[in-house]
PDB file of all heavy atoms in Angstrom:
ATOM      1  N   ALA A   1     122.207 114.670 112.001  1.00  0.00           N
ATOM      2  CA  ALA A   1     121.405 115.930 111.916  1.00  0.00           C
ATOM      3  C   ALA A   1     121.333 116.297 110.380  1.00  0.00           C
ATOM      4  O   ALA A   1     120.344 116.849 109.929  1.00  0.00           O
ATOM      5  CB  ALA A   1     122.028 117.053 112.825  1.00  0.00           C
ATOM      6  N   ALA A   2     122.480 116.130 109.717  1.00  0.00           N
ATOM      7  CA  ALA A   2     122.496 116.517 108.239  1.00  0.00           C
ATOM      8  C   ALA A   2     121.544 115.594 107.533  1.00  0.00           C
ATOM      9  O   ALA A   2     120.838 116.005 106.552  1.00  0.00           O
ATOM     10  CB  ALA A   2     123.914 116.334 107.680  1.00  0.00           C
ATOM     11  N   VAL A   3     121.573 114.212 107.857  1.00  0.00           N
ATOM     12  CA  VAL A   3     120.610 113.291 107.166  1.00  0.00           C
ATOM     13  C   VAL A   3     119.115 113.782 107.597  1.00  0.00           C
ATOM     14  O   VAL A   3     118.290 113.713 106.735  1.00  0.00           O
ATOM     15  CB  VAL A   3     120.860 111.868 107.734  1.00  0.00           C
ATOM     16  CG1 VAL A   3     119.764 110.981 107.240  1.00  0.00           C
ATOM     17  CG2 VAL A   3     122.167 111.427 107.260  1.00  0.00           C
ATOM     18  N   ALA A   4     118.827 114.173 108.899  1.00  0.00           N
ATOM     19  CA  ALA A   4     117.537 114.611 109.223  1.00  0.00           C
ATOM     20  C   ALA A   4     117.007 115.751 108.413  1.00  0.00           C
ATOM     21  O   ALA A   4     115.841 115.932 108.014  1.00  0.00           O
ATOM     22  CB  ALA A   4     117.476 114.873 110.722  1.00  0.00           C
ATOM     23  N   VAL A   5     117.961 116.785 108.193  1.00  0.00           N
ATOM     24  CA  VAL A   5     117.561 117.998 107.432  1.00  0.00           C
ATOM     25  C   VAL A   5     117.226 117.537 106.046  1.00  0.00           C
ATOM     26  O   VAL A   5     116.266 118.128 105.527  1.00  0.00           O
ATOM     27  CB  VAL A   5     118.861 119.011 107.426  1.00  0.00           C
ATOM     28  CG1 VAL A   5     118.548 120.008 106.480  1.00  0.00           C
ATOM     29  CG2 VAL A   5     119.008 119.595 108.861  1.00  0.00           C
ATOM     30  N   ALA A   6     117.970 116.623 105.467  1.00  0.00           N
ATOM     31  CA  ALA A   6     117.656 116.207 104.048  1.00  0.00           C
ATOM     32  C   ALA A   6     116.319 115.523 104.090  1.00  0.00           C
ATOM     33  O   ALA A   6     115.487 115.780 103.079  1.00  0.00           O
ATOM     34  CB  ALA A   6     118.783 115.312 103.634  1.00  0.00           C
ATOM     35  N   ILE A   7     115.980 114.745 105.068  1.00  0.00           N
ATOM     36  CA  ILE A   7     114.680 114.002 105.099  1.00  0.00           C
ATOM     37  C   ILE A   7     113.525 114.989 105.342  1.00  0.00           C
ATOM     38  O   ILE A   7     112.601 114.911 104.556  1.00  0.00           O
ATOM     39  CB  ILE A   7     114.634 112.924 106.230  1.00  0.00           C
ATOM     40  CG1 ILE A   7     115.664 111.868 105.966  1.00  0.00           C
ATOM     41  CG2 ILE A   7     113.273 112.448 106.493  1.00  0.00           C
ATOM     42  CD1 ILE A   7     115.893 110.773 107.036  1.00  0.00           C
ATOM     43  N   MET A   8     113.789 115.926 106.179  1.00  0.00           N
ATOM     44  CA  MET A   8     112.672 116.979 106.404  1.00  0.00           C
ATOM     45  C   MET A   8     112.438 117.834 105.182  1.00  0.00           C
ATOM     46  O   MET A   8     111.407 118.207 104.844  1.00  0.00           O
ATOM     47  CB  MET A   8     113.018 117.796 107.649  1.00  0.00           C
ATOM     48  CG  MET A   8     112.951 116.990 108.946  1.00  0.00           C
ATOM     49  SD  MET A   8     113.138 118.085 110.468  1.00  0.00           S
ATOM     50  CE  MET A   8     114.843 118.549 110.219  1.00  0.00           C
ATOM     51  N   SER A   9     113.590 118.210 104.474  1.00  0.00           N
ATOM     52  CA  SER A   9     113.465 119.021 103.306  1.00  0.00           C
ATOM     53  C   SER A   9     112.712 118.307 102.257  1.00  0.00           C
ATOM     54  O   SER A   9     111.877 118.924 101.533  1.00  0.00           O
ATOM     55  CB  SER A   9     114.854 119.438 102.826  1.00  0.00           C
ATOM     56  OG  SER A   9     115.505 120.232 103.812  1.00  0.00           O
ATOM     57  N   GLY A  10     113.026 116.995 102.040  1.00  0.00           N
ATOM     58  CA  GLY A  10     112.331 116.241 101.061  1.00  0.00           C
ATOM     59  C   GLY A  10     110.831 116.048 101.439  1.00  0.00           C
ATOM     60  O   GLY A  10     109.956 115.956 100.505  1.00  0.00           O
ATOM     61  N   ALA A  11     110.545 115.819 102.722  1.00  0.00           N
ATOM     62  CA  ALA A  11     109.103 115.662 103.139  1.00  0.00           C
ATOM     63  C   ALA A  11     108.265 116.785 102.681  1.00  0.00           C
ATOM     64  O   ALA A  11     107.094 116.629 102.343  1.00  0.00           O
ATOM     65  CB  ALA A  11     109.072 115.417 104.638  1.00  0.00           C
ATOM     66  N   GLU A  12     108.941 118.058 102.738  1.00  0.00           N
ATOM     67  CA  GLU A  12     108.093 119.220 102.438  1.00  0.00           C
ATOM     68  C   GLU A  12     107.753 119.247 100.894  1.00  0.00           C
ATOM     69  O   GLU A  12     106.859 119.949 100.489  1.00  0.00           O
ATOM     70  CB  GLU A  12     108.847 120.506 102.818  1.00  0.00           C
ATOM     71  CG  GLU A  12     109.031 120.702 104.199  1.00  0.00           C
ATOM     72  CD  GLU A  12     109.873 122.029 104.600  1.00  0.00           C
ATOM     73  OE1 GLU A  12     110.308 122.583 103.550  1.00  0.00           O
ATOM     74  OE2 GLU A  12     109.964 122.253 105.671  1.00  0.00           O
ATOM     75  N   LEU A  13     108.550 118.450 100.144  1.00  0.00           N
ATOM     76  CA  LEU A  13     108.272 118.339  98.673  1.00  0.00           C
ATOM     77  C   LEU A  13     107.566 117.043  98.250  1.00  0.00           C
ATOM     78  O   LEU A  13     107.516 116.782  97.101  1.00  0.00           O
ATOM     79  CB  LEU A  13     109.660 118.441  97.954  1.00  0.00           C
ATOM     80  CG  LEU A  13     110.451 119.699  98.200  1.00  0.00           C
ATOM     81  CD1 LEU A  13     111.729 119.768  97.441  1.00  0.00           C
ATOM     82  CD2 LEU A  13     109.676 121.005  97.786  1.00  0.00           C
ATOM     83  N   GLY A  14     107.241 116.323  99.322  1.00  0.00           N
ATOM     84  CA  GLY A  14     106.477 115.002  99.064  1.00  0.00           C
ATOM     85  C   GLY A  14     107.313 113.855  98.808  1.00  0.00           C
ATOM     86  O   GLY A  14     106.872 112.817  98.257  1.00  0.00           O
ATOM     87  N   LEU A  15     108.667 113.908  99.131  1.00  0.00           N
ATOM     88  CA  LEU A  15     109.587 112.743  98.952  1.00  0.00           C
ATOM     89  C   LEU A  15     109.730 111.933 100.175  1.00  0.00           C
ATOM     90  O   LEU A  15     109.708 112.411 101.324  1.00  0.00           O
ATOM     91  CB  LEU A  15     110.978 113.284  98.439  1.00  0.00           C
ATOM     92  CG  LEU A  15     111.122 114.163  97.278  1.00  0.00           C
ATOM     93  CD1 LEU A  15     112.520 114.659  97.147  1.00  0.00           C
ATOM     94  CD2 LEU A  15     110.665 113.281  96.148  1.00  0.00           C
ATOM     95  N   LYS A  16     109.785 110.571  99.977  1.00  0.00           N
ATOM     96  CA  LYS A  16     109.968 109.634 101.139  1.00  0.00           C
ATOM     97  C   LYS A  16     111.421 109.787 101.583  1.00  0.00           C
ATOM     98  O   LYS A  16     112.244 110.275 100.873  1.00  0.00           O
ATOM     99  CB  LYS A  16     109.595 108.254 100.671  1.00  0.00           C
ATOM    100  CG  LYS A  16     108.165 108.093 100.247  1.00  0.00           C
ATOM    101  CD  LYS A  16     107.921 106.638  99.711  1.00  0.00           C
ATOM    102  CE  LYS A  16     106.409 106.358  99.283  1.00  0.00           C
ATOM    103  NZ  LYS A  16     106.052 107.261  98.187  1.00  0.00           N
ATOM    104  N   PRO A  17     111.631 109.360 102.829  1.00  0.00           N
ATOM    105  CA  PRO A  17     112.913 109.590 103.490  1.00  0.00           C
ATOM    106  C   PRO A  17     114.110 109.119 102.658  1.00  0.00           C
ATOM    107  O   PRO A  17     115.054 109.891 102.475  1.00  0.00           O
ATOM    108  CB  PRO A  17     112.832 108.813 104.773  1.00  0.00           C
ATOM    109  CG  PRO A  17     111.400 108.875 105.148  1.00  0.00           C
ATOM    110  CD  PRO A  17     110.690 108.760 103.814  1.00  0.00           C
ATOM    111  N   MET A  18     114.117 107.879 102.200  1.00  0.00           N
ATOM    112  CA  MET A  18     115.243 107.291 101.546  1.00  0.00           C
ATOM    113  C   MET A  18     115.392 107.966 100.160  1.00  0.00           C
ATOM    114  O   MET A  18     116.504 108.131  99.542  1.00  0.00           O
ATOM    115  CB  MET A  18     115.189 105.768 101.343  1.00  0.00           C
ATOM    116  CG  MET A  18     115.167 105.115 102.702  1.00  0.00           C
ATOM    117  SD  MET A  18     116.412 105.628 103.811  1.00  0.00           S
ATOM    118  CE  MET A  18     117.937 104.943 103.047  1.00  0.00           C
ATOM    119  N   VAL A  19     114.233 108.303  99.500  1.00  0.00           N
ATOM    120  CA  VAL A  19     114.260 109.104  98.256  1.00  0.00           C
ATOM    121  C   VAL A  19     114.901 110.399  98.487  1.00  0.00           C
ATOM    122  O   VAL A  19     115.805 110.907  97.611  1.00  0.00           O
ATOM    123  CB  VAL A  19     112.946 109.198  97.583  1.00  0.00           C
ATOM    124  CG1 VAL A  19     112.928 110.036  96.290  1.00  0.00           C
ATOM    125  CG2 VAL A  19     112.358 107.872  97.314  1.00  0.00           C
ATOM    126  N   SER A  20     114.709 111.047  99.603  1.00  0.00           N
ATOM    127  CA  SER A  20     115.202 112.342  99.942  1.00  0.00           C
ATOM    128  C   SER A  20     116.820 112.216  99.976  1.00  0.00           C
ATOM    129  O   SER A  20     117.516 113.137  99.556  1.00  0.00           O
ATOM    130  CB  SER A  20     114.635 112.910 101.202  1.00  0.00           C
ATOM    131  OG  SER A  20     113.297 113.127 101.170  1.00  0.00           O
ATOM    132  N   LEU A  21     117.201 111.177 100.575  1.00  0.00           N
ATOM    133  CA  LEU A  21     118.665 111.055 100.737  1.00  0.00           C
ATOM    134  C   LEU A  21     119.400 110.868  99.394  1.00  0.00           C
ATOM    135  O   LEU A  21     120.510 111.209  99.252  1.00  0.00           O
ATOM    136  CB  LEU A  21     119.030 109.823 101.668  1.00  0.00           C
ATOM    137  CG  LEU A  21     118.594 109.930 103.134  1.00  0.00           C
ATOM    138  CD1 LEU A  21     119.050 108.706 103.828  1.00  0.00           C
ATOM    139  CD2 LEU A  21     119.129 111.198 103.751  1.00  0.00           C
ATOM    140  N   ARG A  22     118.660 110.305  98.446  1.00  0.00           N
ATOM    141  CA  ARG A  22     119.207 110.113  97.092  1.00  0.00           C
ATOM    142  C   ARG A  22     119.095 111.285  96.224  1.00  0.00           C
ATOM    143  O   ARG A  22     119.709 111.539  95.222  1.00  0.00           O
ATOM    144  CB  ARG A  22     118.563 108.937  96.440  1.00  0.00           C
ATOM    145  CG  ARG A  22     118.828 107.636  97.027  1.00  0.00           C
ATOM    146  CD  ARG A  22     118.378 106.418  96.114  1.00  0.00           C
ATOM    147  NE  ARG A  22     116.932 106.415  95.882  1.00  0.00           N
ATOM    148  CZ  ARG A  22     116.093 105.769  96.719  1.00  0.00           C
ATOM    149  NH1 ARG A  22     116.611 105.058  97.652  1.00  0.00           N
ATOM    150  NH2 ARG A  22     114.796 105.684  96.513  1.00  0.00           N
ATOM    151  N   SER A  23     118.178 112.327  96.641  1.00  0.00           N
ATOM    152  CA  SER A  23     117.922 113.459  95.822  1.00  0.00           C
ATOM    153  C   SER A  23     118.511 114.817  96.537  1.00  0.00           C
ATOM    154  O   SER A  23     118.724 115.658  95.636  1.00  0.00           O
ATOM    155  CB  SER A  23     116.409 113.611  95.666  1.00  0.00           C
ATOM    156  OG  SER A  23     115.741 112.481  95.161  1.00  0.00           O
ATOM    157  N   PHE A  24     118.736 114.782  97.755  1.00  0.00           N
ATOM    158  CA  PHE A  24     119.238 115.984  98.390  1.00  0.00           C
ATOM    159  C   PHE A  24     120.673 115.933  98.872  1.00  0.00           C
ATOM    160  O   PHE A  24     121.240 114.887  99.062  1.00  0.00           O
ATOM    161  CB  PHE A  24     118.398 116.239  99.692  1.00  0.00           C
ATOM    162  CG  PHE A  24     117.262 117.047  99.588  1.00  0.00           C
ATOM    163  CD1 PHE A  24     116.017 116.533  99.310  1.00  0.00           C
ATOM    164  CD2 PHE A  24     117.307 118.470  99.595  1.00  0.00           C
ATOM    165  CE1 PHE A  24     114.895 117.401  99.048  1.00  0.00           C
ATOM    166  CE2 PHE A  24     116.263 119.315  99.345  1.00  0.00           C
ATOM    167  CZ  PHE A  24     114.997 118.736  99.206  1.00  0.00           C
ATOM    168  N   THR A  25     121.311 117.118  98.906  1.00  0.00           N
ATOM    169  CA  THR A  25     122.490 117.322  99.529  1.00  0.00           C
ATOM    170  C   THR A  25     122.505 118.560 100.239  1.00  0.00           C
ATOM    171  O   THR A  25     121.505 119.455 100.081  1.00  0.00           O
ATOM    172  CB  THR A  25     123.695 117.446  98.520  1.00  0.00           C
ATOM    173  OG1 THR A  25     124.979 117.506  99.172  1.00  0.00           O
ATOM    174  CG2 THR A  25     123.553 118.662  97.535  1.00  0.00           C
ATOM    175  N   VAL A  26     123.293 118.783 101.255  1.00  0.00           N
ATOM    176  CA  VAL A  26     123.323 120.018 102.049  1.00  0.00           C
ATOM    177  C   VAL A  26     124.693 120.722 101.928  1.00  0.00           C
ATOM    178  O   VAL A  26     125.769 120.105 102.145  1.00  0.00           O
ATOM    179  CB  VAL A  26     123.108 119.667 103.466  1.00  0.00           C
ATOM    180  CG1 VAL A  26     123.215 120.967 104.408  1.00  0.00           C
ATOM    181  CG2 VAL A  26     121.706 119.070 103.721  1.00  0.00           C
ATOM    182  N   ILE A  27     124.672 121.960 101.463  1.00  0.00           N
ATOM    183  CA  ILE A  27     125.829 122.755 101.111  1.00  0.00           C
ATOM    184  C   ILE A  27     125.773 124.050 101.989  1.00  0.00           C
ATOM    185  O   ILE A  27     124.909 124.830 101.863  1.00  0.00           O
ATOM    186  CB  ILE A  27     125.933 123.114  99.615  1.00  0.00           C
ATOM    187  CG1 ILE A  27     125.871 121.754  98.792  1.00  0.00           C
ATOM    188  CG2 ILE A  27     127.277 123.925  99.388  1.00  0.00           C
ATOM    189  CD1 ILE A  27     125.777 122.072  97.399  1.00  0.00           C
ATOM    190  N   ASN A  28     126.818 124.039 102.818  1.00  0.00           N
ATOM    191  CA  ASN A  28     126.892 125.267 103.849  1.00  0.00           C
ATOM    192  C   ASN A  28     125.639 125.552 104.563  1.00  0.00           C
ATOM    193  O   ASN A  28     124.975 126.611 104.710  1.00  0.00           O
ATOM    194  CB  ASN A  28     127.182 126.534 103.056  1.00  0.00           C
ATOM    195  CG  ASN A  28     128.791 126.766 102.966  1.00  0.00           C
ATOM    196  OD1 ASN A  28     129.408 125.807 103.161  1.00  0.00           O
ATOM    197  ND2 ASN A  28     129.113 127.886 102.573  1.00  0.00           N
ATOM    198  N   GLY A  29     124.962 124.347 104.977  1.00  0.00           N
ATOM    199  CA  GLY A  29     123.734 124.301 105.727  1.00  0.00           C
ATOM    200  C   GLY A  29     122.405 124.626 104.756  1.00  0.00           C
ATOM    201  O   GLY A  29     121.300 124.775 105.323  1.00  0.00           O
ATOM    202  N   LYS A  30     122.670 124.718 103.556  1.00  0.00           N
ATOM    203  CA  LYS A  30     121.494 124.980 102.608  1.00  0.00           C
ATOM    204  C   LYS A  30     121.171 123.623 101.923  1.00  0.00           C
ATOM    205  O   LYS A  30     122.000 123.144 101.109  1.00  0.00           O
ATOM    206  CB  LYS A  30     121.847 126.066 101.611  1.00  0.00           C
ATOM    207  CG  LYS A  30     122.124 127.416 102.273  1.00  0.00           C
ATOM    208  CD  LYS A  30     122.395 128.405 101.165  1.00  0.00           C
ATOM    209  CE  LYS A  30     122.752 129.864 101.769  1.00  0.00           C
ATOM    210  NZ  LYS A  30     123.959 129.773 102.534  1.00  0.00           N
ATOM    211  N   PRO A  31     119.923 123.100 102.004  1.00  0.00           N
ATOM    212  CA  PRO A  31     119.587 121.942 101.305  1.00  0.00           C
ATOM    213  C   PRO A  31     119.434 122.269  99.722  1.00  0.00           C
ATOM    214  O   PRO A  31     118.957 123.351  99.415  1.00  0.00           O
ATOM    215  CB  PRO A  31     118.173 121.541 101.943  1.00  0.00           C
ATOM    216  CG  PRO A  31     117.645 122.770 102.442  1.00  0.00           C
ATOM    217  CD  PRO A  31     118.874 123.669 102.903  1.00  0.00           C
ATOM    218  N   ALA A  32     119.821 121.301  98.913  1.00  0.00           N
ATOM    219  CA  ALA A  32     119.762 121.517  97.507  1.00  0.00           C
ATOM    220  C   ALA A  32     119.520 120.218  96.907  1.00  0.00           C
ATOM    221  O   ALA A  32     119.809 119.126  97.382  1.00  0.00           O
ATOM    222  CB  ALA A  32     121.015 122.145  97.002  1.00  0.00           C
ATOM    223  N   LEU A  33     118.813 120.210  95.738  1.00  0.00           N
ATOM    224  CA  LEU A  33     118.435 119.062  94.963  1.00  0.00           C
ATOM    225  C   LEU A  33     119.443 118.738  93.889  1.00  0.00           C
ATOM    226  O   LEU A  33     119.878 119.741  93.262  1.00  0.00           O
ATOM    227  CB  LEU A  33     117.001 119.154  94.410  1.00  0.00           C
ATOM    228  CG  LEU A  33     115.832 118.906  95.393  1.00  0.00           C
ATOM    229  CD1 LEU A  33     114.614 119.360  94.630  1.00  0.00           C
ATOM    230  CD2 LEU A  33     115.749 117.453  95.709  1.00  0.00           C
ATOM    231  N   TYR A  34     119.766 117.524  93.641  1.00  0.00           N
ATOM    232  CA  TYR A  34     120.592 117.189  92.358  1.00  0.00           C
ATOM    233  C   TYR A  34     119.634 117.507  91.183  1.00  0.00           C
ATOM    234  O   TYR A  34     118.394 117.624  91.374  1.00  0.00           O
ATOM    235  CB  TYR A  34     120.861 115.734  92.515  1.00  0.00           C
ATOM    236  CG  TYR A  34     121.948 115.295  93.543  1.00  0.00           C
ATOM    237  CD1 TYR A  34     121.505 114.472  94.509  1.00  0.00           C
ATOM    238  CD2 TYR A  34     123.186 115.820  93.491  1.00  0.00           C
ATOM    239  CE1 TYR A  34     122.413 114.122  95.498  1.00  0.00           C
ATOM    240  CE2 TYR A  34     124.049 115.416  94.397  1.00  0.00           C
ATOM    241  CZ  TYR A  34     123.696 114.644  95.475  1.00  0.00           C
ATOM    242  OH  TYR A  34     124.639 114.387  96.515  1.00  0.00           O
ATOM    243  N   GLY A  35     120.292 117.579  90.117  1.00  0.00           N
ATOM    244  CA  GLY A  35     119.495 117.992  88.836  1.00  0.00           C
ATOM    245  C   GLY A  35     118.371 117.042  88.566  1.00  0.00           C
ATOM    246  O   GLY A  35     117.281 117.524  88.240  1.00  0.00           O
ATOM    247  N   ASP A  36     118.594 115.767  88.673  1.00  0.00           N
ATOM    248  CA  ASP A  36     117.526 114.762  88.417  1.00  0.00           C
ATOM    249  C   ASP A  36     116.482 114.778  89.529  1.00  0.00           C
ATOM    250  O   ASP A  36     115.356 114.571  89.313  1.00  0.00           O
ATOM    251  CB  ASP A  36     118.054 113.400  88.207  1.00  0.00           C
ATOM    252  CG  ASP A  36     118.993 112.874  89.273  1.00  0.00           C
ATOM    253  OD1 ASP A  36     119.278 113.817  90.189  1.00  0.00           O
ATOM    254  OD2 ASP A  36     119.414 111.778  89.288  1.00  0.00           O
ATOM    255  N   GLY A  37     116.852 115.151  90.749  1.00  0.00           N
ATOM    256  CA  GLY A  37     115.952 115.301  91.848  1.00  0.00           C
ATOM    257  C   GLY A  37     114.980 116.451  91.658  1.00  0.00           C
ATOM    258  O   GLY A  37     113.825 116.275  91.972  1.00  0.00           O
TER     259      GLY A  37
END
C-alpha cells in the first residue's frame, strides 16, 4: 500500500511508477519528494 501511494502520488505529477519510487517517500502518511525529485 505504501508503494501504491507513492506510485499514485507520482502519477498525479506525471511521473512513471518506477520513477515515483525513486523520487517519493511517505512520512507519517504524507507523500513527499526528495530534493532532486
